[in-house]
């Protein structure tokens, strides 16, 4: 194997596949990337067996073949190179030589046969607009559970229907749900895919890239989900277990809806959160006399209080919640000018929505904290 390729191009593709490179060296080959020089292109593959990424780029191939070399070390070498052409050549006993200008590196590699094979036989399901899918991931992924014992909640559920899609994530304390209308009329039946959190972030990177084609193809096997866009693609083993019936968690019949400017509310949350307990970030929200007040107190830090004028003439309501959860919602909706807060009483879930979108399009539900 011997090939020449441009630094800028290969660096971009290595950055894309790096999320699939195993950094905890339990099985050495999983910290490596597979380079394949074929025709007039270089193909790059990486996998930790749970998540895999593949890409390709133009190359001047002098001799076709393959190399398996340490992924992060190769990435560091490429980063250190000046702009221009990089030369890669396979030597004896799986060694690789990387060169540019007056610089030359030799890396000890492994056999191609030791590199895990990627799953095959995926059934295409739908083509989804990339920016739309990126928005769905951005508005839900942060609600996924980080508790390794709650496997089914450690990601998001993507439901594909003929008329559109739903993406939902929850950790039991809060829930993000977004619905988008799409034309999936060729979809034979409804499909539900449980996508791990790590794969969601890789998918977001794939979807945010300003490139063609604009759509991402979703495919699946019994155990894996695939996302392919042009010369790039990822696969992920799907989560197992029963995702909760999230429809039953979504509140109905809120007697109180407050409209707020998102930026003003975000600034108030940030200020009050500074004095909240560092573990649960408990903040009290009080509605009373045309005023929305946020307050908190900590025996170690002190207390904080802030307020906004609102149009409110009902009975006073106070509810406590984790300000960190609300902050993540506000960070994910930075493109919105206004939001609504819908609530009932001190013990019922609080729901946040975007005022500029359809009411049922994006819903963020936070369970209250005990007083």
Protein backbone atom coordinates (compact mmCIF):
# COMPACT_ATOMS: atom_id res chain seq x y z
CA UNK A 1 0.00 0.00 0.00
CA UNK A 2 1.31 3.43 -0.97
CA UNK A 3 -0.65 6.64 -1.38
CA UNK A 4 -0.44 10.44 -1.35
CA UNK A 5 -3.17 12.69 0.03
CA UNK A 6 -3.70 16.27 1.19
CA UNK A 7 -3.30 17.12 4.87
CA UNK A 8 -6.46 19.26 5.10
CA UNK A 9 -8.61 16.52 3.60
CA UNK A 10 -7.30 13.58 5.61
CA UNK A 11 -7.32 15.62 8.84
CA UNK A 12 -10.99 16.44 8.37
CA UNK A 13 -11.90 12.77 7.91
CA UNK A 14 -9.74 11.60 10.82
CA UNK A 15 -11.51 14.10 13.08
CA UNK A 16 -14.79 12.60 11.96
CA UNK A 17 -13.89 8.96 12.70
CA UNK A 18 -12.00 9.66 15.94
CA UNK A 19 -15.13 9.25 18.10
CA UNK A 20 -15.11 5.56 17.16
CA UNK A 21 -11.48 5.05 18.19
CA UNK A 22 -11.21 3.26 21.53
CA UNK A 23 -9.05 5.28 23.94
CA UNK A 24 -9.05 2.71 26.75
CA UNK A 25 -6.63 0.16 25.36
CA UNK A 26 -8.27 -3.11 26.39
CA UNK A 27 -8.10 -4.65 22.92
CA UNK A 28 -5.16 -3.02 21.07
CA UNK A 29 -6.66 -3.16 17.57
CA UNK A 30 -9.64 -1.03 18.66
CA UNK A 31 -7.31 1.93 19.15
CA UNK A 32 -6.26 1.64 15.51
CA UNK A 33 -7.69 2.85 12.21
CA UNK A 34 -7.89 0.87 9.00
CA UNK A 35 -6.51 2.68 5.95
CA UNK A 36 -7.36 1.21 2.56
CA UNK A 37 -5.97 2.61 -0.68
CA UNK A 38 -8.29 1.61 -3.53
CA UNK A 39 -8.57 3.12 -7.01
CA UNK A 40 -8.18 6.86 -6.54
CA UNK A 41 -9.26 7.14 -2.91
CA UNK A 42 -8.20 6.44 0.65
CA UNK A 43 -10.80 4.83 2.92
CA UNK A 44 -10.59 5.28 6.69
CA UNK A 45 -12.43 3.06 9.18
CA UNK A 46 -12.52 3.00 12.99
CA UNK A 47 -14.59 1.06 15.51
CA UNK A 48 -14.79 0.18 19.18
CA UNK A 49 -17.27 -2.60 18.18
CA UNK A 50 -20.20 -0.65 19.65
CA UNK A 51 -19.74 2.38 17.40
CA UNK A 52 -18.08 2.51 14.01
CA UNK A 53 -17.26 5.29 11.53
CA UNK A 54 -16.08 5.17 7.95
CA UNK A 55 -15.04 7.82 5.47
CA UNK A 56 -13.10 8.23 2.25
CA UNK A 57 -11.15 10.96 0.50
CA UNK A 58 -9.36 11.54 -2.81
CA UNK A 59 -5.84 10.14 -3.00
CA UNK A 60 -3.10 9.40 -5.50
CA UNK A 61 -2.74 5.66 -5.05
CA UNK A 62 0.59 4.31 -6.17
CA UNK A 63 -0.07 0.78 -4.83
CA UNK A 64 -3.38 -0.55 -3.55
CA UNK A 65 -3.44 -2.19 -0.13
CA UNK A 66 -4.30 -1.71 3.53
CA UNK A 67 -2.74 -0.57 6.80
CA UNK A 68 -3.90 -0.83 10.40
CA UNK A 69 -2.13 1.82 12.49
CA UNK A 70 -2.66 3.59 15.85
CA UNK A 71 -5.48 6.06 15.20
CA UNK A 72 -4.80 8.90 17.62
CA UNK A 73 -1.04 8.81 16.96
CA UNK A 74 -1.68 9.03 13.22
CA UNK A 75 -4.06 11.93 13.85
CA UNK A 76 -1.39 13.76 15.89
CA UNK A 77 1.19 13.25 13.14
CA UNK A 78 -1.17 14.58 10.48
CA UNK A 79 -2.00 17.61 12.65
CA UNK A 80 1.71 18.39 13.00
CA UNK A 81 2.24 18.43 9.24
CA UNK A 82 2.36 21.69 7.28
CA UNK A 83 -0.29 22.21 4.63
CA UNK A 84 0.35 20.09 1.60
CA UNK A 85 0.78 16.48 0.59
CA UNK A 86 1.37 13.55 2.94
CA UNK A 87 2.92 10.29 1.84
CA UNK A 88 1.89 6.97 3.42
CA UNK A 89 3.55 3.66 2.62
CA UNK A 90 3.32 0.16 4.00
CA UNK A 91 6.60 -1.50 5.02
CA UNK A 92 7.36 -5.07 6.06
CA UNK A 93 5.75 -6.68 9.12
CA UNK A 94 2.80 -4.23 9.16
CA UNK A 95 4.97 -1.16 9.73
CA UNK A 96 3.89 2.11 8.14
CA UNK A 97 5.95 5.08 7.00
CA UNK A 98 4.38 8.54 7.09
CA UNK A 99 6.23 11.42 5.47
CA UNK A 100 5.93 15.06 4.48
CA UNK A 101 8.63 17.60 3.66
CA UNK A 102 11.77 16.57 5.55
CA UNK A 103 9.79 14.77 8.25
CA UNK A 104 9.43 11.00 8.39
CA UNK A 105 7.67 8.74 10.90
CA UNK A 106 7.43 4.99 11.29
CA UNK A 107 4.45 3.45 13.07
CA UNK A 108 4.08 -0.12 14.20
CA UNK A 109 0.81 -1.49 12.82
CA UNK A 110 -1.25 -4.64 12.95
CA UNK A 111 -2.56 -7.05 10.34
CA UNK A 112 -5.71 -6.16 8.43
CA UNK A 113 -7.19 -9.51 9.48
CA UNK A 114 -7.12 -8.42 13.13
CA UNK A 115 -9.33 -5.39 12.46
CA UNK A 116 -13.02 -6.02 13.27
CA UNK A 117 -15.36 -6.43 10.32
CA UNK A 118 -18.20 -3.94 10.01
CA UNK A 119 -21.79 -5.25 10.16
CA UNK A 120 -23.49 -5.67 6.79
CA UNK A 121 -26.93 -6.40 5.38
CA UNK A 122 -28.63 -3.24 6.64
CA UNK A 123 -32.15 -2.47 5.41
CA UNK A 124 -32.64 1.17 4.31
CA UNK A 125 -35.53 2.85 6.13
CA UNK A 126 -35.67 6.54 5.19
CA UNK A 127 -33.77 9.59 3.98
CA UNK A 128 -33.85 12.45 6.51
CA UNK A 129 -32.89 16.08 5.97
CA UNK A 130 -29.52 16.53 7.71
CA UNK A 131 -30.17 19.94 9.37
CA UNK A 132 -33.55 18.69 10.60
CA UNK A 133 -31.95 15.59 12.13
CA UNK A 134 -29.16 17.68 13.69
CA UNK A 135 -31.80 19.86 15.34
CA UNK A 136 -33.60 16.83 16.75
CA UNK A 137 -30.39 15.49 18.29
CA UNK A 138 -29.43 18.91 19.70
CA UNK A 139 -32.79 19.30 21.43
CA UNK A 140 -32.88 15.81 23.01
CA UNK A 141 -29.49 14.18 23.61
CA UNK A 142 -28.76 16.01 26.88
CA UNK A 143 -31.78 14.35 28.54
CA UNK A 144 -30.35 10.85 28.06
CA UNK A 145 -29.37 9.04 31.24
CA UNK A 146 -25.71 8.74 32.19
CA UNK A 147 -26.49 5.91 34.60
CA UNK A 148 -24.87 2.80 33.08
CA UNK A 149 -27.37 0.60 34.92
CA UNK A 150 -30.31 2.12 33.03
CA UNK A 151 -29.35 0.83 29.60
CA UNK A 152 -32.59 1.63 27.77
CA UNK A 153 -32.38 5.29 28.86
CA UNK A 154 -28.73 5.83 27.91
CA UNK A 155 -29.62 7.41 24.57
CA UNK A 156 -32.62 8.51 22.56
CA UNK A 157 -35.54 6.77 20.93
CA UNK A 158 -36.04 7.60 17.26
CA UNK A 159 -39.46 6.67 15.91
CA UNK A 160 -40.02 6.77 12.16
CA UNK A 161 -43.57 6.89 10.82
CA UNK A 162 -44.97 7.50 7.34
CA UNK A 163 -45.91 11.07 8.28
CA UNK A 164 -42.79 12.02 10.23
CA UNK A 165 -40.41 11.29 13.07
CA UNK A 166 -40.23 11.60 16.84
CA UNK A 167 -37.05 11.71 18.92
CA UNK A 168 -37.28 11.45 22.69
CA UNK A 169 -34.79 11.08 25.53
CA UNK A 170 -35.25 10.88 29.30
CA UNK A 171 -33.28 10.06 32.42
CA UNK A 172 -36.35 9.79 34.64
CA UNK A 173 -35.95 13.34 35.99
CA UNK A 174 -36.57 15.24 32.75
CA UNK A 175 -37.70 14.43 29.23
CA UNK A 176 -37.07 15.96 25.80
CA UNK A 177 -39.44 15.18 22.94
CA UNK A 178 -39.48 16.61 19.44
CA UNK A 179 -41.75 15.77 16.53
CA UNK A 180 -41.12 16.67 12.90
CA UNK A 181 -43.33 16.19 9.88
CA UNK A 182 -41.56 14.29 7.07
CA UNK A 183 -42.63 12.30 4.04
CA UNK A 184 -41.69 8.70 4.77
CA UNK A 185 -44.55 7.31 2.70
CA UNK A 186 -42.36 4.48 1.40
CA UNK A 187 -41.66 3.23 4.93
CA UNK A 188 -43.40 -0.16 5.18
CA UNK A 189 -44.08 0.10 8.90
CA UNK A 190 -43.30 2.17 11.98
CA UNK A 191 -39.72 1.73 13.17
CA UNK A 192 -38.35 2.42 16.66
CA UNK A 193 -34.59 2.73 17.12
CA UNK A 194 -32.80 3.11 20.48
CA UNK A 195 -29.63 5.07 19.73
CA UNK A 196 -26.83 5.35 22.36
CA UNK A 197 -25.74 8.80 23.53
CA UNK A 198 -22.24 8.46 22.04
CA UNK A 199 -23.71 7.60 18.65
CA UNK A 200 -26.06 10.58 18.87
CA UNK A 201 -23.13 12.98 19.21
CA UNK A 202 -21.37 11.35 16.25
CA UNK A 203 -24.61 11.57 14.26
CA UNK A 204 -24.88 15.27 15.12
CA UNK A 205 -21.38 15.83 13.77
CA UNK A 206 -22.34 14.00 10.56
CA UNK A 207 -25.55 16.02 10.19
CA UNK A 208 -24.02 19.44 10.91
CA UNK A 209 -21.39 19.21 8.21
CA UNK A 210 -22.11 21.72 5.44
CA UNK A 211 -21.75 19.32 2.56
CA UNK A 212 -23.73 17.38 0.01
CA UNK A 213 -25.90 15.39 -0.12
CA UNK A 214 -28.27 17.23 2.18
CA UNK A 215 -30.01 14.05 3.38
CA UNK A 216 -28.88 11.21 5.64
CA UNK A 217 -29.92 7.64 4.93
CA UNK A 218 -31.07 5.66 7.96
CA UNK A 219 -30.80 1.87 7.82
CA UNK A 220 -30.87 -0.99 10.31
CA UNK A 221 -30.25 -4.64 11.01
CA UNK A 222 -31.65 -6.51 14.00
CA UNK A 223 -28.97 -5.09 16.30
CA UNK A 224 -27.37 -2.12 14.53
CA UNK A 225 -28.50 1.26 13.20
CA UNK A 226 -26.67 2.98 10.32
CA UNK A 227 -26.48 6.62 9.23
CA UNK A 228 -24.88 7.34 5.85
CA UNK A 229 -24.26 10.68 4.18
CA UNK A 230 -22.26 10.73 1.00
CA UNK A 231 -18.76 9.36 1.61
CA UNK A 232 -19.27 9.22 5.38
CA UNK A 233 -21.15 6.75 7.50
CA UNK A 234 -21.52 5.53 11.07
CA UNK A 235 -23.05 2.47 12.65
CA UNK A 236 -24.00 1.81 16.26
CA UNK A 237 -25.23 -1.14 18.23
CA UNK A 238 -28.73 -0.25 19.37
CA UNK A 239 -29.62 -0.12 23.05
CA UNK A 240 -31.56 -3.01 24.51
CA UNK A 241 -34.37 -2.97 27.05
CA UNK A 242 -37.76 -1.31 27.26
CA UNK A 243 -37.94 2.42 26.73
CA UNK A 244 -40.67 3.91 28.97
CA UNK A 245 -44.06 4.87 27.58
CA UNK A 246 -43.10 8.51 27.32
CA UNK A 247 -46.50 9.62 26.04
CA UNK A 248 -47.91 9.00 29.52
CA UNK A 249 -45.31 11.31 31.06
CA UNK A 250 -46.17 14.32 28.89
CA UNK A 251 -48.39 16.64 30.97
CA UNK A 252 -51.87 17.64 29.84
CA UNK A 253 -54.23 20.39 30.94
CA UNK A 254 -51.84 22.98 32.39
CA UNK A 255 -53.92 25.72 34.06
CA UNK A 256 -51.06 28.22 33.92
CA UNK A 257 -48.93 29.28 30.93
CA UNK A 258 -46.28 32.00 31.20
CA UNK A 259 -44.66 33.63 28.16
CA UNK A 260 -41.07 34.82 28.52
CA UNK A 261 -38.24 36.25 26.45
CA UNK A 262 -35.74 33.37 26.32
CA UNK A 263 -32.60 35.50 26.75
CA UNK A 264 -33.95 37.37 29.78
CA UNK A 265 -34.99 34.14 31.47
CA UNK A 266 -31.69 32.44 30.63
CA UNK A 267 -29.70 35.29 32.16
CA UNK A 268 -31.79 35.10 35.32
CA UNK A 269 -31.33 31.31 35.59
CA UNK A 270 -27.56 31.68 35.17
CA UNK A 271 -27.35 34.32 37.90
CA UNK A 272 -29.47 32.51 40.47
CA UNK A 273 -27.83 29.17 39.75
CA UNK A 274 -24.49 30.61 40.89
CA UNK A 275 -25.67 30.36 44.51
CA UNK A 276 -27.42 27.00 44.27
CA UNK A 277 -26.26 23.69 45.70
CA UNK A 278 -23.58 22.28 43.39
CA UNK A 279 -25.13 18.79 43.25
CA UNK A 280 -28.84 19.35 42.58
CA UNK A 281 -28.83 23.09 41.71
CA UNK A 282 -32.18 23.54 43.41
CA UNK A 283 -33.99 26.75 42.44
CA UNK A 284 -37.47 27.91 43.46
CA UNK A 285 -39.76 29.45 40.86
CA UNK A 286 -42.57 31.59 42.30
CA UNK A 287 -45.46 33.16 40.39
CA UNK A 288 -47.21 35.88 42.33
CA UNK A 289 -48.60 39.35 41.63
CA UNK A 290 -47.47 39.82 38.02
CA UNK A 291 -43.98 38.65 38.89
CA UNK A 292 -41.89 35.55 38.19
CA UNK A 293 -39.23 35.12 40.86
CA UNK A 294 -36.30 32.72 40.99
CA UNK A 295 -34.61 32.15 44.34
CA UNK A 296 -32.19 29.77 45.96
CA UNK A 297 -30.24 29.39 49.19
CA UNK A 298 -27.31 27.28 50.32
CA UNK A 299 -25.91 26.91 53.83
CA UNK A 300 -22.39 26.88 52.35
CA UNK A 301 -22.75 29.61 49.72
CA UNK A 302 -25.55 32.00 50.65
CA UNK A 303 -28.65 32.99 48.70
CA UNK A 304 -29.83 34.67 45.50
CA UNK A 305 -33.07 36.14 44.23
CA UNK A 306 -34.12 37.64 40.90
CA UNK A 307 -37.40 38.44 39.16
CA UNK A 308 -39.10 39.31 35.88
CA UNK A 309 -42.37 41.18 35.34
CA UNK A 310 -45.05 38.96 33.76
CA UNK A 311 -48.75 38.99 33.07
CA UNK A 312 -50.08 36.81 35.90
CA UNK A 313 -53.24 37.26 37.96
CA UNK A 314 -53.94 33.73 39.26
CA UNK A 315 -53.27 32.13 42.64
CA UNK A 316 -49.60 32.09 43.74
CA UNK A 317 -47.61 28.99 42.66
CA UNK A 318 -44.17 27.88 43.77
CA UNK A 319 -42.27 24.95 42.29
CA UNK A 320 -38.66 23.82 42.75
CA UNK A 321 -36.50 22.29 40.04
CA UNK A 322 -32.91 21.60 39.01
CA UNK A 323 -31.63 24.80 37.40
CA UNK A 324 -29.03 22.79 35.49
CA UNK A 325 -31.78 20.93 33.66
CA UNK A 326 -33.42 24.20 32.66
CA UNK A 327 -30.08 25.66 31.59
CA UNK A 328 -29.52 22.76 29.17
CA UNK A 329 -32.92 23.37 27.61
CA UNK A 330 -32.13 27.07 27.19
CA UNK A 331 -28.71 26.28 25.67
CA UNK A 332 -30.35 23.93 23.16
CA UNK A 333 -32.89 26.56 22.09
CA UNK A 334 -30.59 29.53 21.55
CA UNK A 335 -32.24 30.25 18.19
CA UNK A 336 -35.63 30.92 19.82
CA UNK A 337 -36.75 34.39 20.91
CA UNK A 338 -39.53 33.34 23.28
CA UNK A 339 -40.51 30.35 25.39
CA UNK A 340 -43.47 29.31 27.49
CA UNK A 341 -43.48 27.72 30.94
CA UNK A 342 -46.52 25.61 31.69
CA UNK A 343 -47.19 24.45 35.22
CA UNK A 344 -49.93 23.33 37.57
CA UNK A 345 -48.72 23.20 41.18
CA UNK A 346 -45.70 22.45 43.38
CA UNK A 347 -45.82 18.68 42.82
CA UNK A 348 -46.58 18.49 39.09
CA UNK A 349 -44.11 18.45 36.21
CA UNK A 350 -43.08 21.75 34.63
CA UNK A 351 -43.15 21.91 30.84
CA UNK A 352 -41.08 24.23 28.66
CA UNK A 353 -41.91 24.93 25.02
CA UNK A 354 -40.81 27.24 22.23
CA UNK A 355 -43.37 29.92 21.50
CA UNK A 356 -42.25 30.29 17.88
CA UNK A 357 -42.91 26.66 16.95
CA UNK A 358 -46.01 24.54 16.76
CA UNK A 359 -47.18 23.74 20.31
CA UNK A 360 -46.54 20.00 20.05
CA UNK A 361 -43.29 20.24 18.07
CA UNK A 362 -40.80 20.41 20.96
CA UNK A 363 -41.60 19.70 24.59
CA UNK A 364 -39.22 19.66 27.54
CA UNK A 365 -40.58 18.31 30.82
CA UNK A 366 -38.82 18.67 34.18
CA UNK A 367 -39.97 16.88 37.33
CA UNK A 368 -40.14 19.09 40.43
CA UNK A 369 -37.83 18.76 43.41
CA UNK A 370 -39.20 18.30 46.87
CA UNK A 371 -39.31 21.44 49.00
